[in-house]
């Protein structure tokens, strides 16, 4: 079997497996009493992860360089990173509900690479001179892993916002460093009667003005929300150091290739913005004690920023990082 046939088999197969996996996870969440649905979803995610790894490995052996030189390869590497972090997240929580939110992300990335990109963009081509360096693996792979990790963390934060939409909740406790989150229902204020004197000297009781009642989360959704908040924090806490290491490695490579550690190239600028967004999120969680919806909104905005940094900048076709993608 030649590389092209193997590639088509693996990329279409990984997309099909992830689509089935998504349906399994969603069906398992909708019908929790049906056994093995979520377990099959985990098996599907692991199978897709293995198929993508084989695809990237085959291209590496055939082309002779680490497969991160064009959009097709980077998208599949990103999908591999997402599926890997999904498996890590499931292992951390032992909850397969994570796949309800991560499977669509992995499937969408794979569909974009396998079904949308033209055939000429899916072919391996010789590296441009600037990419003929060991830094290609050391810098780009770490950056892509950080993108995948931060995307998963941000998606879980978005899921937390969806689960708790319109709900009055309070999180207490530490969600990092071995602590655990606890979601508390808002306590109801007991009714009090005001005594109002009358002309005859007696008193009449008047009811106080009642506030609009707040819908409370069910115990199951409380547990799910706490799990999502905790896991999102931990995954982002893993992705942020990877992003930091990747940026530092990129600066060293830039100095070696272009004679400058930092040139405010559009890609560099958005990488720094991405770093600032997630640094602010972790700072708010660690030092200011923010928990719940406020930091989740910040993390959710980071999902958009990561995509701009990864893909949006290259749509412009400008800067030192534009080769090998769209133009």
C-alpha atoms as a PDB file:
ATOM      1  CA  UNK A   1       0.000   0.000   0.000  1.00  0.00           C
ATOM      2  CA  UNK A   2       1.504   3.364  -1.043  1.00  0.00           C
ATOM      3  CA  UNK A   3       1.488   6.444   1.161  1.00  0.00           C
ATOM      4  CA  UNK A   4      -1.399   8.164  -0.630  1.00  0.00           C
ATOM      5  CA  UNK A   5      -3.690   5.156  -0.264  1.00  0.00           C
ATOM      6  CA  UNK A   6      -2.670   4.695   3.374  1.00  0.00           C
ATOM      7  CA  UNK A   7      -3.225   8.390   4.038  1.00  0.00           C
ATOM      8  CA  UNK A   8      -6.715   8.370   2.521  1.00  0.00           C
ATOM      9  CA  UNK A   9      -7.619   5.255   4.459  1.00  0.00           C
ATOM     10  CA  UNK A  10      -6.389   6.618   7.765  1.00  0.00           C
ATOM     11  CA  UNK A  11      -7.682  10.181   7.489  1.00  0.00           C
ATOM     12  CA  UNK A  12     -11.135   9.128   6.289  1.00  0.00           C
ATOM     13  CA  UNK A  13     -11.168   6.297   8.817  1.00  0.00           C
ATOM     14  CA  UNK A  14     -10.216   8.562  11.716  1.00  0.00           C
ATOM     15  CA  UNK A  15     -12.971  11.004  10.737  1.00  0.00           C
ATOM     16  CA  UNK A  16     -15.549   8.188  10.560  1.00  0.00           C
ATOM     17  CA  UNK A  17     -14.426   6.765  13.901  1.00  0.00           C
ATOM     18  CA  UNK A  18     -14.616  10.185  15.572  1.00  0.00           C
ATOM     19  CA  UNK A  19     -18.078  10.795  14.136  1.00  0.00           C
ATOM     20  CA  UNK A  20     -19.287   7.464  15.550  1.00  0.00           C
ATOM     21  CA  UNK A  21     -17.492   8.263  18.818  1.00  0.00           C
ATOM     22  CA  UNK A  22     -19.311  11.584  19.070  1.00  0.00           C
ATOM     23  CA  UNK A  23     -22.663   9.834  18.604  1.00  0.00           C
ATOM     24  CA  UNK A  24     -21.731   7.242  21.223  1.00  0.00           C
ATOM     25  CA  UNK A  25     -20.826   9.868  23.798  1.00  0.00           C
ATOM     26  CA  UNK A  26     -23.967  11.892  23.128  1.00  0.00           C
ATOM     27  CA  UNK A  27     -26.138   8.774  23.233  1.00  0.00           C
ATOM     28  CA  UNK A  28     -24.479   7.691  26.468  1.00  0.00           C
ATOM     29  CA  UNK A  29     -25.231  11.081  28.013  1.00  0.00           C
ATOM     30  CA  UNK A  30     -28.851  11.026  26.796  1.00  0.00           C
ATOM     31  CA  UNK A  31     -29.464   7.406  27.794  1.00  0.00           C
ATOM     32  CA  UNK A  32     -27.211   6.699  30.800  1.00  0.00           C
ATOM     33  CA  UNK A  33     -29.044   3.455  31.559  1.00  0.00           C
ATOM     34  CA  UNK A  34     -27.827   1.824  28.341  1.00  0.00           C
ATOM     35  CA  UNK A  35     -24.566   0.051  29.225  1.00  0.00           C
ATOM     36  CA  UNK A  36     -21.274   0.289  27.358  1.00  0.00           C
ATOM     37  CA  UNK A  37     -22.137   3.329  25.214  1.00  0.00           C
ATOM     38  CA  UNK A  38     -19.637   5.637  26.895  1.00  0.00           C
ATOM     39  CA  UNK A  39     -17.076   2.826  27.144  1.00  0.00           C
ATOM     40  CA  UNK A  40     -17.345   2.347  23.396  1.00  0.00           C
ATOM     41  CA  UNK A  41     -16.835   6.093  23.024  1.00  0.00           C
ATOM     42  CA  UNK A  42     -13.550   5.861  24.921  1.00  0.00           C
ATOM     43  CA  UNK A  43     -12.469   2.974  22.710  1.00  0.00           C
ATOM     44  CA  UNK A  44     -13.355   5.017  19.639  1.00  0.00           C
ATOM     45  CA  UNK A  45     -11.328   7.997  20.838  1.00  0.00           C
ATOM     46  CA  UNK A  46      -8.332   5.744  21.521  1.00  0.00           C
ATOM     47  CA  UNK A  47      -8.701   4.135  18.078  1.00  0.00           C
ATOM     48  CA  UNK A  48      -8.789   7.513  16.359  1.00  0.00           C
ATOM     49  CA  UNK A  49      -5.742   8.599  18.340  1.00  0.00           C
ATOM     50  CA  UNK A  50      -3.855   5.513  17.168  1.00  0.00           C
ATOM     51  CA  UNK A  51      -4.951   5.947  13.538  1.00  0.00           C
ATOM     52  CA  UNK A  52      -3.768   9.556  13.486  1.00  0.00           C
ATOM     53  CA  UNK A  53      -0.454   8.557  15.091  1.00  0.00           C
ATOM     54  CA  UNK A  54       0.076   5.930  12.376  1.00  0.00           C
ATOM     55  CA  UNK A  55      -0.776   8.489   9.680  1.00  0.00           C
ATOM     56  CA  UNK A  56       1.729  11.017  11.024  1.00  0.00           C
ATOM     57  CA  UNK A  57       4.353   8.328  11.534  1.00  0.00           C
ATOM     58  CA  UNK A  58       3.975   7.102   7.959  1.00  0.00           C
ATOM     59  CA  UNK A  59       4.406  10.617   6.600  1.00  0.00           C
ATOM     60  CA  UNK A  60       7.443  11.111   8.835  1.00  0.00           C
ATOM     61  CA  UNK A  61       9.100   7.954   7.494  1.00  0.00           C
ATOM     62  CA  UNK A  62       8.218   8.726   3.872  1.00  0.00           C
ATOM     63  CA  UNK A  63       9.177  12.415   3.863  1.00  0.00           C
ATOM     64  CA  UNK A  64      12.155  12.135   6.221  1.00  0.00           C
ATOM     65  CA  UNK A  65      11.143  15.036   8.467  1.00  0.00           C
ATOM     66  CA  UNK A  66       8.768  15.557  11.361  1.00  0.00           C
ATOM     67  CA  UNK A  67       5.245  15.959   9.871  1.00  0.00           C
ATOM     68  CA  UNK A  68       4.488  19.539  10.849  1.00  0.00           C
ATOM     69  CA  UNK A  69       5.348  21.442   7.690  1.00  0.00           C
ATOM     70  CA  UNK A  70       1.901  22.294   6.290  1.00  0.00           C
ATOM     71  CA  UNK A  71      -1.706  22.835   7.322  1.00  0.00           C
ATOM     72  CA  UNK A  72      -2.813  19.246   6.682  1.00  0.00           C
ATOM     73  CA  UNK A  73      -0.136  17.765   8.917  1.00  0.00           C
ATOM     74  CA  UNK A  74      -0.582  20.346  11.662  1.00  0.00           C
ATOM     75  CA  UNK A  75      -4.351  19.824  11.752  1.00  0.00           C
ATOM     76  CA  UNK A  76      -3.933  16.087  12.209  1.00  0.00           C
ATOM     77  CA  UNK A  77      -1.255  16.664  14.841  1.00  0.00           C
ATOM     78  CA  UNK A  78      -3.683  19.018  16.588  1.00  0.00           C
ATOM     79  CA  UNK A  79      -6.435  16.380  16.412  1.00  0.00           C
ATOM     80  CA  UNK A  80      -4.012  13.820  17.825  1.00  0.00           C
ATOM     81  CA  UNK A  81      -3.226  16.218  20.674  1.00  0.00           C
ATOM     82  CA  UNK A  82      -6.925  16.787  21.392  1.00  0.00           C
ATOM     83  CA  UNK A  83      -7.675  13.065  21.503  1.00  0.00           C
ATOM     84  CA  UNK A  84      -4.635  12.507  23.720  1.00  0.00           C
ATOM     85  CA  UNK A  85      -5.714  15.201  26.164  1.00  0.00           C
ATOM     86  CA  UNK A  86      -9.217  13.763  26.135  1.00  0.00           C
ATOM     87  CA  UNK A  87      -7.866  10.408  27.267  1.00  0.00           C
ATOM     88  CA  UNK A  88      -5.802  12.171  29.942  1.00  0.00           C
ATOM     89  CA  UNK A  89      -8.873  14.076  31.132  1.00  0.00           C
ATOM     90  CA  UNK A  90     -10.932  10.890  31.339  1.00  0.00           C
ATOM     91  CA  UNK A  91      -8.186   9.237  33.337  1.00  0.00           C
ATOM     92  CA  UNK A  92      -8.062  12.210  35.718  1.00  0.00           C
ATOM     93  CA  UNK A  93     -11.792  12.294  36.413  1.00  0.00           C
ATOM     94  CA  UNK A  94     -12.928   8.761  35.542  1.00  0.00           C
ATOM     95  CA  UNK A  95     -15.912  10.484  33.951  1.00  0.00           C
ATOM     96  CA  UNK A  96     -16.783   9.788  30.335  1.00  0.00           C
ATOM     97  CA  UNK A  97     -19.013  12.838  30.083  1.00  0.00           C
ATOM     98  CA  UNK A  98     -15.910  14.755  29.000  1.00  0.00           C
ATOM     99  CA  UNK A  99     -16.255  13.161  25.570  1.00  0.00           C
ATOM    100  CA  UNK A 100     -19.590  14.895  25.027  1.00  0.00           C
ATOM    101  CA  UNK A 101     -17.624  18.137  24.641  1.00  0.00           C
ATOM    102  CA  UNK A 102     -14.211  17.049  23.335  1.00  0.00           C
ATOM    103  CA  UNK A 103     -15.374  14.589  20.651  1.00  0.00           C
ATOM    104  CA  UNK A 104     -16.978  17.342  18.497  1.00  0.00           C
ATOM    105  CA  UNK A 105     -13.743  19.344  18.652  1.00  0.00           C
ATOM    106  CA  UNK A 106     -11.594  16.406  17.531  1.00  0.00           C
ATOM    107  CA  UNK A 107     -14.070  15.401  14.835  1.00  0.00           C
ATOM    108  CA  UNK A 108     -14.343  18.942  13.478  1.00  0.00           C
ATOM    109  CA  UNK A 109     -10.579  19.333  13.173  1.00  0.00           C
ATOM    110  CA  UNK A 110     -10.266  15.966  11.436  1.00  0.00           C
ATOM    111  CA  UNK A 111     -13.146  16.750   9.064  1.00  0.00           C
ATOM    112  CA  UNK A 112     -11.517  20.050   8.108  1.00  0.00           C
ATOM    113  CA  UNK A 113      -8.220  18.326   7.298  1.00  0.00           C
ATOM    114  CA  UNK A 114      -9.602  15.226   5.560  1.00  0.00           C
ATOM    115  CA  UNK A 115     -12.661  16.572   3.740  1.00  0.00           C
ATOM    116  CA  UNK A 116     -12.082  20.287   3.162  1.00  0.00           C
ATOM    117  CA  UNK A 117      -8.450  20.754   2.171  1.00  0.00           C
ATOM    118  CA  UNK A 118      -7.711  20.132  -1.529  1.00  0.00           C
ATOM    119  CA  UNK A 119      -5.582  17.133  -2.501  1.00  0.00           C
ATOM    120  CA  UNK A 120      -2.543  19.245  -3.359  1.00  0.00           C
ATOM    121  CA  UNK A 121      -2.478  20.674   0.173  1.00  0.00           C
ATOM    122  CA  UNK A 122      -2.535  17.175   1.644  1.00  0.00           C
ATOM    123  CA  UNK A 123       0.643  16.069  -0.099  1.00  0.00           C
ATOM    124  CA  UNK A 124       4.023  16.100   1.613  1.00  0.00           C
ATOM    125  CA  UNK A 125       6.454  18.501  -0.028  1.00  0.00           C
ATOM    126  CA  UNK A 126      10.156  19.287   0.515  1.00  0.00           C
ATOM    127  CA  UNK A 127      10.832  21.608   3.412  1.00  0.00           C
ATOM    128  CA  UNK A 128      11.607  25.252   2.770  1.00  0.00           C
ATOM    129  CA  UNK A 129      15.126  26.187   3.923  1.00  0.00           C
ATOM    130  CA  UNK A 130      13.963  27.937   7.094  1.00  0.00           C
ATOM    131  CA  UNK A 131      12.283  24.734   8.335  1.00  0.00           C
ATOM    132  CA  UNK A 132      15.302  22.475   7.829  1.00  0.00           C
ATOM    133  CA  UNK A 133      16.218  22.496  11.477  1.00  0.00           C
ATOM    134  CA  UNK A 134      15.837  20.305  14.551  1.00  0.00           C
ATOM    135  CA  UNK A 135      13.870  23.183  16.025  1.00  0.00           C
ATOM    136  CA  UNK A 136      10.953  22.177  13.788  1.00  0.00           C
ATOM    137  CA  UNK A 137      10.234  19.300  16.123  1.00  0.00           C
ATOM    138  CA  UNK A 138      11.298  21.031  19.324  1.00  0.00           C
ATOM    139  CA  UNK A 139       9.325  24.239  18.810  1.00  0.00           C
ATOM    140  CA  UNK A 140       6.341  23.428  16.593  1.00  0.00           C
ATOM    141  CA  UNK A 141       5.396  20.158  18.279  1.00  0.00           C
ATOM    142  CA  UNK A 142       5.345  21.790  21.727  1.00  0.00           C
ATOM    143  CA  UNK A 143       3.304  24.709  20.422  1.00  0.00           C
ATOM    144  CA  UNK A 144       0.788  22.372  18.802  1.00  0.00           C
ATOM    145  CA  UNK A 145       0.494  20.299  21.975  1.00  0.00           C
ATOM    146  CA  UNK A 146      -0.088  23.492  23.952  1.00  0.00           C
ATOM    147  CA  UNK A 147      -2.800  24.576  21.493  1.00  0.00           C
ATOM    148  CA  UNK A 148      -4.519  21.194  21.788  1.00  0.00           C
ATOM    149  CA  UNK A 149      -4.323  21.225  25.588  1.00  0.00           C
ATOM    150  CA  UNK A 150      -5.571  24.796  25.933  1.00  0.00           C
ATOM    151  CA  UNK A 151      -8.388  24.113  23.461  1.00  0.00           C
ATOM    152  CA  UNK A 152      -9.570  21.149  25.512  1.00  0.00           C
ATOM    153  CA  UNK A 153      -9.413  23.199  28.717  1.00  0.00           C
ATOM    154  CA  UNK A 154     -11.276  26.071  27.087  1.00  0.00           C
ATOM    155  CA  UNK A 155     -13.948  23.751  25.650  1.00  0.00           C
ATOM    156  CA  UNK A 156     -14.546  22.350  29.137  1.00  0.00           C
ATOM    157  CA  UNK A 157     -14.891  25.915  30.431  1.00  0.00           C
ATOM    158  CA  UNK A 158     -17.486  26.595  27.714  1.00  0.00           C
ATOM    159  CA  UNK A 159     -19.276  23.416  28.768  1.00  0.00           C
ATOM    160  CA  UNK A 160     -19.262  24.665  32.367  1.00  0.00           C
ATOM    161  CA  UNK A 161     -20.874  27.929  31.238  1.00  0.00           C
ATOM    162  CA  UNK A 162     -23.551  25.989  29.336  1.00  0.00           C
ATOM    163  CA  UNK A 163     -24.320  23.681  32.264  1.00  0.00           C
ATOM    164  CA  UNK A 164     -24.587  26.573  34.743  1.00  0.00           C
ATOM    165  CA  UNK A 165     -26.361  29.043  32.446  1.00  0.00           C
ATOM    166  CA  UNK A 166     -28.936  31.059  34.373  1.00  0.00           C
ATOM    167  CA  UNK A 167     -28.125  29.313  37.649  1.00  0.00           C
ATOM    168  CA  UNK A 168     -27.115  30.843  40.978  1.00  0.00           C
ATOM    169  CA  UNK A 169     -24.149  28.840  42.232  1.00  0.00           C
ATOM    170  CA  UNK A 170     -21.154  29.372  44.477  1.00  0.00           C
ATOM    171  CA  UNK A 171     -17.909  27.442  44.246  1.00  0.00           C
ATOM    172  CA  UNK A 172     -15.815  26.952  47.345  1.00  0.00           C
ATOM    173  CA  UNK A 173     -12.546  25.186  47.952  1.00  0.00           C
ATOM    174  CA  UNK A 174      -9.428  24.862  45.869  1.00  0.00           C
ATOM    175  CA  UNK A 175      -9.622  23.354  42.402  1.00  0.00           C
ATOM    176  CA  UNK A 176      -5.888  23.057  41.998  1.00  0.00           C
ATOM    177  CA  UNK A 177      -3.161  21.377  43.936  1.00  0.00           C
ATOM    178  CA  UNK A 178      -5.144  18.481  45.320  1.00  0.00           C
ATOM    179  CA  UNK A 179      -8.223  20.357  46.507  1.00  0.00           C
ATOM    180  CA  UNK A 180     -11.747  19.787  45.297  1.00  0.00           C
ATOM    181  CA  UNK A 181     -14.504  22.099  44.163  1.00  0.00           C
ATOM    182  CA  UNK A 182     -17.851  22.113  45.855  1.00  0.00           C
ATOM    183  CA  UNK A 183     -20.849  23.772  44.299  1.00  0.00           C
ATOM    184  CA  UNK A 184     -23.250  25.168  46.847  1.00  0.00           C
ATOM    185  CA  UNK A 185     -26.898  25.867  46.294  1.00  0.00           C
ATOM    186  CA  UNK A 186     -27.944  29.381  47.294  1.00  0.00           C
ATOM    187  CA  UNK A 187     -29.667  29.276  50.643  1.00  0.00           C
ATOM    188  CA  UNK A 188     -33.180  30.613  50.937  1.00  0.00           C
ATOM    189  CA  UNK A 189     -33.774  33.587  53.207  1.00  0.00           C
ATOM    190  CA  UNK A 190     -36.491  32.848  55.799  1.00  0.00           C
ATOM    191  CA  UNK A 191     -39.629  34.941  55.629  1.00  0.00           C
ATOM    192  CA  UNK A 192     -39.877  37.710  58.203  1.00  0.00           C
ATOM    193  CA  UNK A 193     -42.997  39.666  59.058  1.00  0.00           C
ATOM    194  CA  UNK A 194     -42.855  43.406  59.677  1.00  0.00           C
ATOM    195  CA  UNK A 195     -45.121  44.734  62.417  1.00  0.00           C
ATOM    196  CA  UNK A 196     -46.837  47.985  61.478  1.00  0.00           C
ATOM    197  CA  UNK A 197     -48.681  49.915  64.238  1.00  0.00           C
ATOM    198  CA  UNK A 198     -52.247  51.124  63.542  1.00  0.00           C
ATOM    199  CA  UNK A 199     -54.220  54.055  65.014  1.00  0.00           C
ATOM    200  CA  UNK A 200     -55.902  51.746  67.497  1.00  0.00           C
ATOM    201  CA  UNK A 201     -52.546  50.665  68.883  1.00  0.00           C
ATOM    202  CA  UNK A 202     -52.634  47.168  67.406  1.00  0.00           C
ATOM    203  CA  UNK A 203     -50.206  45.906  64.844  1.00  0.00           C
ATOM    204  CA  UNK A 204     -50.718  44.322  61.439  1.00  0.00           C
ATOM    205  CA  UNK A 205     -48.320  41.954  59.750  1.00  0.00           C
ATOM    206  CA  UNK A 206     -47.203  42.820  56.234  1.00  0.00           C
ATOM    207  CA  UNK A 207     -45.407  40.379  53.974  1.00  0.00           C
ATOM    208  CA  UNK A 208     -41.987  41.452  52.761  1.00  0.00           C
ATOM    209  CA  UNK A 209     -41.281  42.003  49.077  1.00  0.00           C
ATOM    210  CA  UNK A 210     -40.124  38.701  47.624  1.00  0.00           C
ATOM    211  CA  UNK A 211     -37.351  38.494  45.067  1.00  0.00           C
ATOM    212  CA  UNK A 212     -37.729  36.477  41.902  1.00  0.00           C
ATOM    213  CA  UNK A 213     -36.832  32.878  42.744  1.00  0.00           C
ATOM    214  CA  UNK A 214     -33.728  31.394  41.187  1.00  0.00           C
ATOM    215  CA  UNK A 215     -33.765  28.024  39.487  1.00  0.00           C
ATOM    216  CA  UNK A 216     -31.476  25.597  41.273  1.00  0.00           C
ATOM    217  CA  UNK A 217     -29.234  23.029  39.659  1.00  0.00           C
ATOM    218  CA  UNK A 218     -30.084  19.391  40.146  1.00  0.00           C
ATOM    219  CA  UNK A 219     -27.546  17.331  42.128  1.00  0.00           C
ATOM    220  CA  UNK A 220     -26.369  15.645  38.931  1.00  0.00           C
ATOM    221  CA  UNK A 221     -25.739  18.947  37.179  1.00  0.00           C
ATOM    222  CA  UNK A 222     -24.048  20.311  40.296  1.00  0.00           C
ATOM    223  CA  UNK A 223     -21.619  17.412  40.229  1.00  0.00           C
ATOM    224  CA  UNK A 224     -21.052  17.778  36.480  1.00  0.00           C
ATOM    225  CA  UNK A 225     -20.446  21.518  36.792  1.00  0.00           C
ATOM    226  CA  UNK A 226     -17.919  21.028  39.595  1.00  0.00           C
ATOM    227  CA  UNK A 227     -16.118  18.359  37.561  1.00  0.00           C
ATOM    228  CA  UNK A 228     -15.957  20.563  34.460  1.00  0.00           C
ATOM    229  CA  UNK A 229     -14.674  23.572  36.394  1.00  0.00           C
ATOM    230  CA  UNK A 230     -12.025  21.524  38.178  1.00  0.00           C
ATOM    231  CA  UNK A 231     -10.896  19.703  35.057  1.00  0.00           C
ATOM    232  CA  UNK A 232     -10.795  22.827  32.900  1.00  0.00           C
ATOM    233  CA  UNK A 233      -8.514  24.456  35.455  1.00  0.00           C
ATOM    234  CA  UNK A 234      -6.173  21.495  35.604  1.00  0.00           C
ATOM    235  CA  UNK A 235      -5.958  21.043  31.829  1.00  0.00           C
ATOM    236  CA  UNK A 236      -5.231  24.744  31.269  1.00  0.00           C
ATOM    237  CA  UNK A 237      -2.667  24.514  34.058  1.00  0.00           C
ATOM    238  CA  UNK A 238      -0.951  21.813  31.985  1.00  0.00           C
ATOM    239  CA  UNK A 239      -1.207  23.636  28.664  1.00  0.00           C
ATOM    240  CA  UNK A 240       0.149  26.980  29.877  1.00  0.00           C
ATOM    241  CA  UNK A 241       3.687  25.705  30.672  1.00  0.00           C
ATOM    242  CA  UNK A 242       3.748  23.977  27.286  1.00  0.00           C
ATOM    243  CA  UNK A 243       2.844  27.268  25.609  1.00  0.00           C
ATOM    244  CA  UNK A 244       5.555  29.059  27.576  1.00  0.00           C
ATOM    245  CA  UNK A 245       8.200  26.486  26.618  1.00  0.00           C
ATOM    246  CA  UNK A 246       7.078  26.606  22.984  1.00  0.00           C
ATOM    247  CA  UNK A 247       7.352  30.404  22.823  1.00  0.00           C
ATOM    248  CA  UNK A 248      10.827  30.340  24.384  1.00  0.00           C
ATOM    249  CA  UNK A 249      11.970  27.620  21.953  1.00  0.00           C
ATOM    250  CA  UNK A 250      10.553  29.661  19.073  1.00  0.00           C
ATOM    251  CA  UNK A 251      12.492  32.728  20.191  1.00  0.00           C
ATOM    252  CA  UNK A 252      15.725  30.754  20.260  1.00  0.00           C
ATOM    253  CA  UNK A 253      14.992  29.325  16.793  1.00  0.00           C
ATOM    254  CA  UNK A 254      14.123  32.784  15.468  1.00  0.00           C
ATOM    255  CA  UNK A 255      17.462  34.144  16.675  1.00  0.00           C
ATOM    256  CA  UNK A 256      19.246  31.256  14.970  1.00  0.00           C
ATOM    257  CA  UNK A 257      17.328  31.617  11.689  1.00  0.00           C
ATOM    258  CA  UNK A 258      16.675  35.362  11.445  1.00  0.00           C
ATOM    259  CA  UNK A 259      19.118  36.940  13.891  1.00  0.00           C
ATOM    260  CA  UNK A 260      16.482  38.241  16.298  1.00  0.00           C
ATOM    261  CA  UNK A 261      14.737  36.635  19.265  1.00  0.00           C
ATOM    262  CA  UNK A 262      11.536  38.630  18.767  1.00  0.00           C
ATOM    263  CA  UNK A 263      10.333  40.668  15.807  1.00  0.00           C
ATOM    264  CA  UNK A 264       6.623  41.196  16.612  1.00  0.00           C
ATOM    265  CA  UNK A 265       5.651  39.073  13.652  1.00  0.00           C
ATOM    266  CA  UNK A 266       1.818  38.581  13.608  1.00  0.00           C
ATOM    267  CA  UNK A 267       2.225  34.969  14.748  1.00  0.00           C
ATOM    268  CA  UNK A 268       4.533  36.003  17.574  1.00  0.00           C
ATOM    269  CA  UNK A 269       2.193  38.785  18.611  1.00  0.00           C
ATOM    270  CA  UNK A 270      -0.849  36.504  18.826  1.00  0.00           C
ATOM    271  CA  UNK A 271       1.164  33.845  20.629  1.00  0.00           C
ATOM    272  CA  UNK A 272       1.979  36.500  23.229  1.00  0.00           C
ATOM    273  CA  UNK A 273      -1.694  37.549  23.419  1.00  0.00           C
ATOM    274  CA  UNK A 274      -2.654  33.894  23.926  1.00  0.00           C
ATOM    275  CA  UNK A 275      -0.071  33.634  26.697  1.00  0.00           C
ATOM    276  CA  UNK A 276      -1.458  36.764  28.372  1.00  0.00           C
ATOM    277  CA  UNK A 277      -5.062  35.516  28.271  1.00  0.00           C
ATOM    278  CA  UNK A 278      -4.302  32.217  29.954  1.00  0.00           C
ATOM    279  CA  UNK A 279      -1.796  33.819  32.322  1.00  0.00           C
ATOM    280  CA  UNK A 280      -4.583  36.156  33.447  1.00  0.00           C
ATOM    281  CA  UNK A 281      -6.896  33.173  33.902  1.00  0.00           C
ATOM    282  CA  UNK A 282      -4.420  31.263  36.067  1.00  0.00           C
ATOM    283  CA  UNK A 283      -3.516  34.398  38.003  1.00  0.00           C
ATOM    284  CA  UNK A 284      -7.174  35.039  38.756  1.00  0.00           C
ATOM    285  CA  UNK A 285      -7.688  31.467  39.915  1.00  0.00           C
ATOM    286  CA  UNK A 286      -4.525  31.145  41.990  1.00  0.00           C
ATOM    287  CA  UNK A 287      -4.012  34.560  43.604  1.00  0.00           C
ATOM    288  CA  UNK A 288      -7.409  36.223  43.534  1.00  0.00           C
ATOM    289  CA  UNK A 289      -9.423  33.118  44.266  1.00  0.00           C
ATOM    290  CA  UNK A 290     -11.773  33.510  41.302  1.00  0.00           C
ATOM    291  CA  UNK A 291     -13.912  30.456  40.685  1.00  0.00           C
ATOM    292  CA  UNK A 292     -17.047  29.713  38.763  1.00  0.00           C
ATOM    293  CA  UNK A 293     -18.374  31.645  35.793  1.00  0.00           C
ATOM    294  CA  UNK A 294     -16.038  34.669  35.764  1.00  0.00           C
ATOM    295  CA  UNK A 295     -12.797  32.775  35.062  1.00  0.00           C
ATOM    296  CA  UNK A 296     -14.704  30.350  32.825  1.00  0.00           C
ATOM    297  CA  UNK A 297     -15.684  33.272  30.593  1.00  0.00           C
ATOM    298  CA  UNK A 298     -12.011  34.288  30.394  1.00  0.00           C
ATOM    299  CA  UNK A 299     -10.994  30.727  29.511  1.00  0.00           C
ATOM    300  CA  UNK A 300     -13.755  30.527  26.894  1.00  0.00           C
ATOM    301  CA  UNK A 301     -12.433  33.694  25.243  1.00  0.00           C
ATOM    302  CA  UNK A 302      -9.053  31.967  25.153  1.00  0.00           C
ATOM    303  CA  UNK A 303     -10.552  29.318  22.850  1.00  0.00           C
ATOM    304  CA  UNK A 304     -11.137  31.998  20.211  1.00  0.00           C
ATOM    305  CA  UNK A 305      -7.701  33.531  20.773  1.00  0.00           C
ATOM    306  CA  UNK A 306      -5.971  30.171  20.285  1.00  0.00           C
ATOM    307  CA  UNK A 307      -7.740  29.643  16.960  1.00  0.00           C
ATOM    308  CA  UNK A 308      -6.777  33.134  15.811  1.00  0.00           C
ATOM    309  CA  UNK A 309      -3.167  32.471  16.760  1.00  0.00           C
ATOM    310  CA  UNK A 310      -3.091  29.032  15.168  1.00  0.00           C
ATOM    311  CA  UNK A 311      -5.130  29.554  12.003  1.00  0.00           C
ATOM    312  CA  UNK A 312      -6.463  33.083  11.713  1.00  0.00           C
ATOM    313  CA  UNK A 313      -3.064  34.748  11.353  1.00  0.00           C
ATOM    314  CA  UNK A 314      -2.129  32.425   8.504  1.00  0.00           C
ATOM    315  CA  UNK A 315      -5.291  33.316   6.595  1.00  0.00           C
ATOM    316  CA  UNK A 316      -3.708  36.730   6.077  1.00  0.00           C
ATOM    317  CA  UNK A 317      -0.662  35.179   4.416  1.00  0.00           C
ATOM    318  CA  UNK A 318       1.617  37.748   6.039  1.00  0.00           C
ATOM    319  CA  UNK A 319       4.614  37.507   8.276  1.00  0.00           C
ATOM    320  CA  UNK A 320       7.486  35.097   8.698  1.00  0.00           C
ATOM    321  CA  UNK A 321       5.221  32.182   9.626  1.00  0.00           C
ATOM    322  CA  UNK A 322       2.959  32.200   6.554  1.00  0.00           C
ATOM    323  CA  UNK A 323       4.797  29.640   4.422  1.00  0.00           C
ATOM    324  CA  UNK A 324       3.546  26.091   4.180  1.00  0.00           C
ATOM    325  CA  UNK A 325      -0.058  26.893   5.094  1.00  0.00           C
ATOM    326  CA  UNK A 326      -2.437  28.621   2.707  1.00  0.00           C
ATOM    327  CA  UNK A 327      -0.076  30.666   0.583  1.00  0.00           C
END
